[in-house]
Amino acid sequence: MADEGLYAYYRDSFGGKRHLQGQTVNARTNAVALKSLLTLSAVRTWLDVGTGYGILLQWLRRKYKIEAEGVELSQQEAQYAQQLGLPVRCALLSESGLPRDHYDVVSSFEVIEHTPDPIAFLTDMAQYVRPGGQLVVMTDNFESPPAIKLRGSFPKWIPHTHISHFTPSSLQRCIDAVPGLKLEQGAAYTPWDLLAREWLSPFKRPLPDDQAYDMHAVLSTEMTREYRLYRVRHLLNPVWARLHLRKTLGHGALMYSVCRRRP
């Protein structure tokens, strides 16, 4: 999918109950990681890139009184956030008109894997971090045991939108390629539901690799599929993250990197 087509897909396709529920759960678990990795009480300005419905922005603003803003390509999700009174712009970051060299923290959660040029994406985000500020990036670890064992059944294997896949070392190389940016610390954990898939995989007959992903089936159900076990995940996932988050990139299937922009 060409860049222009990819942007149009994100702009027009996302939204709905399933995505809202998923982002609510993700925001609660990301909050656990952020409290562990950052001194949130010292943060005054924040920009979240690919902020979706703005659930994390709302938490940052209410809990820590941070001036948190966001950019989001999906029109439906940006409009939802705007209706909540959140300062979210529906635009590419480079076309958002937001101030550069300004924010204490710039973040993106499960966004970099959607980009065709992750180094350019990191370079662009870094321009909005004030000198001495921090850049937070979270993505999937395709070198983790669940990814290796599940292969084509790994749930983050979504080739029509996830087009850049990372390991701890490849994520480190991308960060190192951005002038003035330095990896300060990393953290990772594996969600319990992904471990359950891994544990159950020996009892399921694996599909051949060329049948593991059915594009037509995915596109026809993507907006209507149910977000399974929402109430369980809503309650359990933050607790699980709090217990299992370890400060090393290679520890689990979800990786958080905290980078510092040099003064």
Protein backbone atom coordinates (compact mmCIF):
# COMPACT_ATOMS: atom_id res chain seq x y z
CA MET A 1 0.00 0.00 0.00
CA ALA A 2 1.56 3.32 -1.06
CA ASP A 3 2.08 6.00 1.57
CA GLU A 4 -0.84 8.10 0.30
CA GLY A 5 -3.15 5.08 0.31
CA LEU A 6 -1.98 4.08 3.79
CA TYR A 7 -2.75 7.53 5.19
CA ALA A 8 -6.17 7.50 3.55
CA TYR A 9 -6.85 4.07 5.06
CA TYR A 10 -6.08 5.32 8.59
CA ARG A 11 -8.05 8.51 8.02
CA ASP A 12 -11.22 6.80 6.85
CA SER A 13 -11.29 3.32 8.36
CA PHE A 14 -10.81 3.37 12.11
CA GLY A 15 -13.34 3.94 14.84
CA GLY A 16 -16.04 1.94 16.56
CA LYS A 17 -16.67 0.17 19.85
CA ARG A 18 -13.96 -2.46 19.41
CA HIS A 19 -11.22 0.11 18.87
CA LEU A 20 -12.49 2.27 21.74
CA GLN A 21 -12.45 -0.68 24.13
CA GLY A 22 -9.00 -1.77 22.97
CA GLN A 23 -7.59 1.72 23.38
CA THR A 24 -9.13 2.05 26.84
CA VAL A 25 -7.40 -1.14 27.99
CA ASN A 26 -4.13 -0.11 26.32
CA ALA A 27 -4.21 3.34 27.91
CA ARG A 28 -4.60 1.80 31.37
CA THR A 29 -1.61 -0.50 30.85
CA ASN A 30 0.48 2.24 29.24
CA ALA A 31 -0.23 4.40 32.29
CA VAL A 32 1.37 1.70 34.46
CA ALA A 33 4.51 1.75 32.32
CA LEU A 34 4.68 5.55 32.25
CA LYS A 35 4.44 5.78 36.04
CA SER A 36 7.36 3.34 36.27
CA LEU A 37 9.55 4.98 33.63
CA LEU A 38 8.95 8.73 33.96
CA THR A 39 8.66 11.33 36.70
CA LEU A 40 5.20 12.42 35.62
CA SER A 41 4.87 15.06 38.33
CA ALA A 42 7.71 16.99 36.65
CA VAL A 43 6.12 16.97 33.18
CA ARG A 44 4.29 20.10 32.06
CA THR A 45 3.77 19.61 28.31
CA TRP A 46 3.09 16.39 26.38
CA LEU A 47 2.38 15.48 22.77
CA ASP A 48 0.97 12.04 21.90
CA VAL A 49 1.35 11.03 18.25
CA GLY A 50 -1.39 8.68 17.05
CA THR A 51 -3.45 9.41 20.14
CA GLY A 52 -6.63 7.68 18.93
CA TYR A 53 -9.64 8.48 21.10
CA GLY A 54 -7.48 10.47 23.52
CA ILE A 55 -7.94 8.12 26.50
CA LEU A 56 -4.33 8.50 27.62
CA LEU A 57 -4.44 12.28 27.10
CA GLN A 58 -7.49 12.49 29.32
CA TRP A 59 -5.68 10.55 32.09
CA LEU A 60 -2.56 12.72 31.85
CA ARG A 61 -4.58 15.91 32.02
CA ARG A 62 -6.84 14.83 34.88
CA LYS A 63 -4.32 12.92 37.02
CA TYR A 64 -1.20 15.05 36.56
CA LYS A 65 -2.57 18.36 35.20
CA ILE A 66 -0.26 18.03 32.19
CA GLU A 67 -0.93 20.18 29.13
CA ALA A 68 -1.32 17.12 26.93
CA GLU A 69 -2.13 17.40 23.23
CA GLY A 70 -2.42 14.85 20.44
CA VAL A 71 -2.42 14.25 16.71
CA GLU A 72 -4.47 11.51 15.11
CA LEU A 73 -5.07 10.52 11.48
CA SER A 74 -8.42 8.80 12.00
CA GLN A 75 -11.19 11.37 11.59
CA GLN A 76 -13.63 9.38 13.72
CA GLU A 77 -11.21 8.94 16.59
CA ALA A 78 -9.97 12.55 16.49
CA GLN A 79 -13.55 13.83 16.51
CA TYR A 80 -14.39 11.63 19.50
CA ALA A 81 -11.41 13.08 21.41
CA GLN A 82 -12.39 16.61 20.41
CA GLN A 83 -15.92 16.03 21.71
CA LEU A 84 -14.36 15.17 25.06
CA GLY A 85 -12.77 18.61 25.02
CA LEU A 86 -9.28 17.30 24.26
CA PRO A 87 -6.85 19.26 22.05
CA VAL A 88 -6.41 16.69 19.28
CA ARG A 89 -5.60 17.62 15.68
CA CYS A 90 -6.55 15.35 12.79
CA ALA A 91 -3.39 15.66 10.74
CA LEU A 92 0.03 14.27 10.04
CA LEU A 93 2.46 15.48 12.67
CA SER A 94 4.47 17.43 10.10
CA GLU A 95 1.30 19.22 8.97
CA SER A 96 -0.22 19.78 12.42
CA GLY A 97 1.16 23.29 12.99
CA LEU A 98 2.23 22.34 16.53
CA PRO A 99 5.34 24.02 17.99
CA ARG A 100 8.71 22.30 17.59
CA ASP A 101 11.34 22.14 20.36
CA HIS A 102 8.49 22.56 22.84
CA TYR A 103 7.25 19.43 24.62
CA ASP A 104 8.69 17.84 27.77
CA VAL A 105 7.53 14.45 26.44
CA VAL A 106 6.53 13.28 22.98
CA SER A 107 5.08 9.76 22.84
CA SER A 108 3.74 7.18 20.42
CA PHE A 109 2.19 3.87 21.41
CA GLU A 110 1.87 1.14 18.77
CA VAL A 111 2.34 3.63 15.93
CA ILE A 112 5.90 3.20 14.64
CA GLU A 113 5.09 -0.26 13.25
CA HIS A 114 2.59 1.44 10.91
CA THR A 115 5.26 3.66 9.33
CA PRO A 116 7.20 2.82 6.14
CA ASP A 117 10.25 4.76 7.34
CA PRO A 118 10.64 4.43 11.13
CA ILE A 119 13.87 6.45 11.28
CA ALA A 120 12.16 9.38 9.54
CA PHE A 121 9.21 8.99 11.93
CA LEU A 122 11.49 9.13 14.99
CA THR A 123 13.42 12.06 13.51
CA ASP A 124 10.19 13.96 12.93
CA MET A 125 8.91 13.31 16.47
CA ALA A 126 12.25 14.28 18.01
CA GLN A 127 11.92 17.76 16.51
CA TYR A 128 8.94 18.44 18.77
CA VAL A 129 10.78 17.46 21.97
CA ARG A 130 12.38 20.36 23.81
CA PRO A 131 16.17 20.02 24.24
CA GLY A 132 16.66 17.81 27.30
CA GLY A 133 13.12 16.39 26.97
CA GLN A 134 12.07 12.78 26.42
CA LEU A 135 10.66 10.69 23.59
CA VAL A 136 8.68 7.55 24.46
CA VAL A 137 8.01 4.85 21.86
CA MET A 138 6.17 1.56 22.40
CA THR A 139 5.96 -1.25 19.85
CA ASP A 140 5.94 -5.05 19.51
CA ASN A 141 8.96 -7.33 19.85
CA PHE A 142 9.02 -9.79 16.95
CA GLU A 143 11.93 -11.61 18.59
CA SER A 144 9.89 -12.48 21.68
CA PRO A 145 8.98 -16.14 22.39
CA PRO A 146 5.27 -15.66 21.53
CA ALA A 147 6.13 -14.10 18.16
CA ILE A 148 8.55 -16.90 17.33
CA LYS A 149 6.28 -19.71 18.47
CA LEU A 150 3.02 -18.36 17.04
CA ARG A 151 4.56 -17.32 13.70
CA GLY A 152 1.68 -16.41 11.35
CA SER A 153 -0.80 -16.62 14.23
CA PHE A 154 0.98 -13.88 16.19
CA PRO A 155 -1.84 -11.32 16.64
CA LYS A 156 0.39 -8.36 15.81
CA TRP A 157 1.20 -9.88 12.42
CA ILE A 158 -1.10 -7.53 10.47
CA PRO A 159 0.74 -6.97 7.19
CA HIS A 160 -1.74 -4.56 5.64
CA THR A 161 -1.08 -1.98 8.39
CA HIS A 162 1.88 -3.22 10.46
CA ILE A 163 4.68 -2.76 7.95
CA SER A 164 7.77 -2.25 10.15
CA HIS A 165 8.54 -5.03 12.61
CA PHE A 166 11.06 -4.62 15.42
CA THR A 167 13.39 -6.51 17.71
CA PRO A 168 15.19 -4.84 20.62
CA SER A 169 18.34 -4.43 18.53
CA SER A 170 16.58 -3.04 15.44
CA LEU A 171 14.65 -0.54 17.56
CA GLN A 172 17.93 0.50 19.19
CA ARG A 173 19.52 0.98 15.74
CA CYS A 174 16.65 3.19 14.60
CA ILE A 175 16.99 5.37 17.69
CA ASP A 176 20.77 5.57 17.28
CA ALA A 177 20.27 6.80 13.70
CA VAL A 178 18.43 9.93 14.87
CA PRO A 179 20.83 12.83 15.51
CA GLY A 180 20.71 14.10 19.08
CA LEU A 181 18.57 11.22 20.38
CA LYS A 182 19.83 8.68 22.92
CA LEU A 183 18.10 5.64 24.40
CA GLU A 184 17.88 6.31 28.14
CA GLN A 185 16.07 3.19 29.32
CA GLY A 186 13.85 0.41 28.07
CA ALA A 187 11.17 -1.80 29.53
CA ALA A 188 9.03 -4.70 28.36
CA TYR A 189 6.48 -7.30 29.39
CA THR A 190 4.29 -9.92 27.75
CA PRO A 191 0.50 -9.57 28.21
CA TRP A 192 -1.23 -12.52 29.85
CA ASP A 193 -3.57 -13.09 26.89
CA LEU A 194 -0.60 -13.39 24.54
CA LEU A 195 1.03 -15.90 26.89
CA ALA A 196 -2.23 -17.87 26.85
CA ARG A 197 -2.09 -18.02 23.04
CA GLU A 198 1.49 -19.23 23.25
CA TRP A 199 0.66 -21.90 25.84
CA LEU A 200 -2.31 -23.16 23.80
CA SER A 201 -0.46 -23.18 20.47
CA PRO A 202 0.92 -26.77 20.81
CA PHE A 203 -2.68 -28.04 20.97
CA LYS A 204 -3.69 -26.33 17.74
CA ARG A 205 -2.76 -27.50 14.29
CA PRO A 206 -0.72 -24.68 12.72
CA LEU A 207 -1.79 -23.35 9.36
CA PRO A 208 0.75 -23.35 6.54
CA ASP A 209 2.52 -20.00 6.37
CA ASP A 210 0.85 -19.13 3.07
CA GLN A 211 -2.60 -19.58 4.70
CA ALA A 212 -1.91 -17.93 8.05
CA TYR A 213 -3.22 -14.54 6.97
CA ASP A 214 -6.43 -14.08 4.99
CA MET A 215 -6.53 -10.44 3.85
CA HIS A 216 -10.12 -10.64 2.59
CA ALA A 217 -11.40 -12.11 5.86
CA VAL A 218 -9.52 -9.50 7.92
CA LEU A 219 -10.77 -6.52 5.90
CA SER A 220 -14.36 -7.78 5.88
CA THR A 221 -14.51 -8.14 9.68
CA GLU A 222 -12.00 -5.55 10.94
CA MET A 223 -14.60 -2.95 11.90
CA THR A 224 -17.20 -5.40 13.25
CA ARG A 225 -15.19 -7.92 15.31
CA GLU A 226 -15.83 -7.97 19.03
CA TYR A 227 -13.07 -6.97 21.46
CA ARG A 228 -13.03 -10.19 23.43
CA LEU A 229 -13.01 -10.31 27.25
CA TYR A 230 -13.14 -6.54 27.55
CA ARG A 231 -14.15 -6.44 31.23
CA VAL A 232 -11.52 -9.01 32.19
CA ARG A 233 -8.80 -7.19 30.28
CA HIS A 234 -9.92 -3.83 31.64
CA LEU A 235 -9.40 -5.05 35.21
CA LEU A 236 -6.54 -7.54 34.81
CA ASN A 237 -4.20 -6.03 32.20
CA PRO A 238 -2.97 -3.05 34.29
CA VAL A 239 -2.35 -5.32 37.30
CA TRP A 240 -0.48 -7.80 35.10
CA ALA A 241 1.64 -5.03 33.59
CA ARG A 242 2.49 -3.68 37.04
CA LEU A 243 3.67 -7.12 38.18
CA HIS A 244 5.56 -8.16 35.05
CA LEU A 245 7.08 -4.99 33.58
CA ARG A 246 10.88 -5.26 33.62
CA LYS A 247 13.34 -2.53 32.68
CA THR A 248 14.92 -4.22 29.71
CA LEU A 249 13.78 -4.08 26.07
CA GLY A 250 14.23 -7.80 25.52
CA HIS A 251 12.09 -8.99 28.42
CA GLY A 252 8.74 -9.31 26.66
CA ALA A 253 6.51 -8.93 23.63
CA LEU A 254 5.71 -5.24 24.21
CA MET A 255 8.68 -2.86 24.35
CA TYR A 256 8.85 0.67 25.76
CA SER A 257 11.83 2.84 24.90
CA VAL A 258 12.51 6.12 26.70
CA CYS A 259 14.89 8.39 24.80
CA ARG A 260 16.45 11.70 25.74
CA ARG A 261 16.95 14.55 23.30
CA ARG A 262 20.36 15.98 24.01
CA PRO A 263 20.37 19.65 25.10
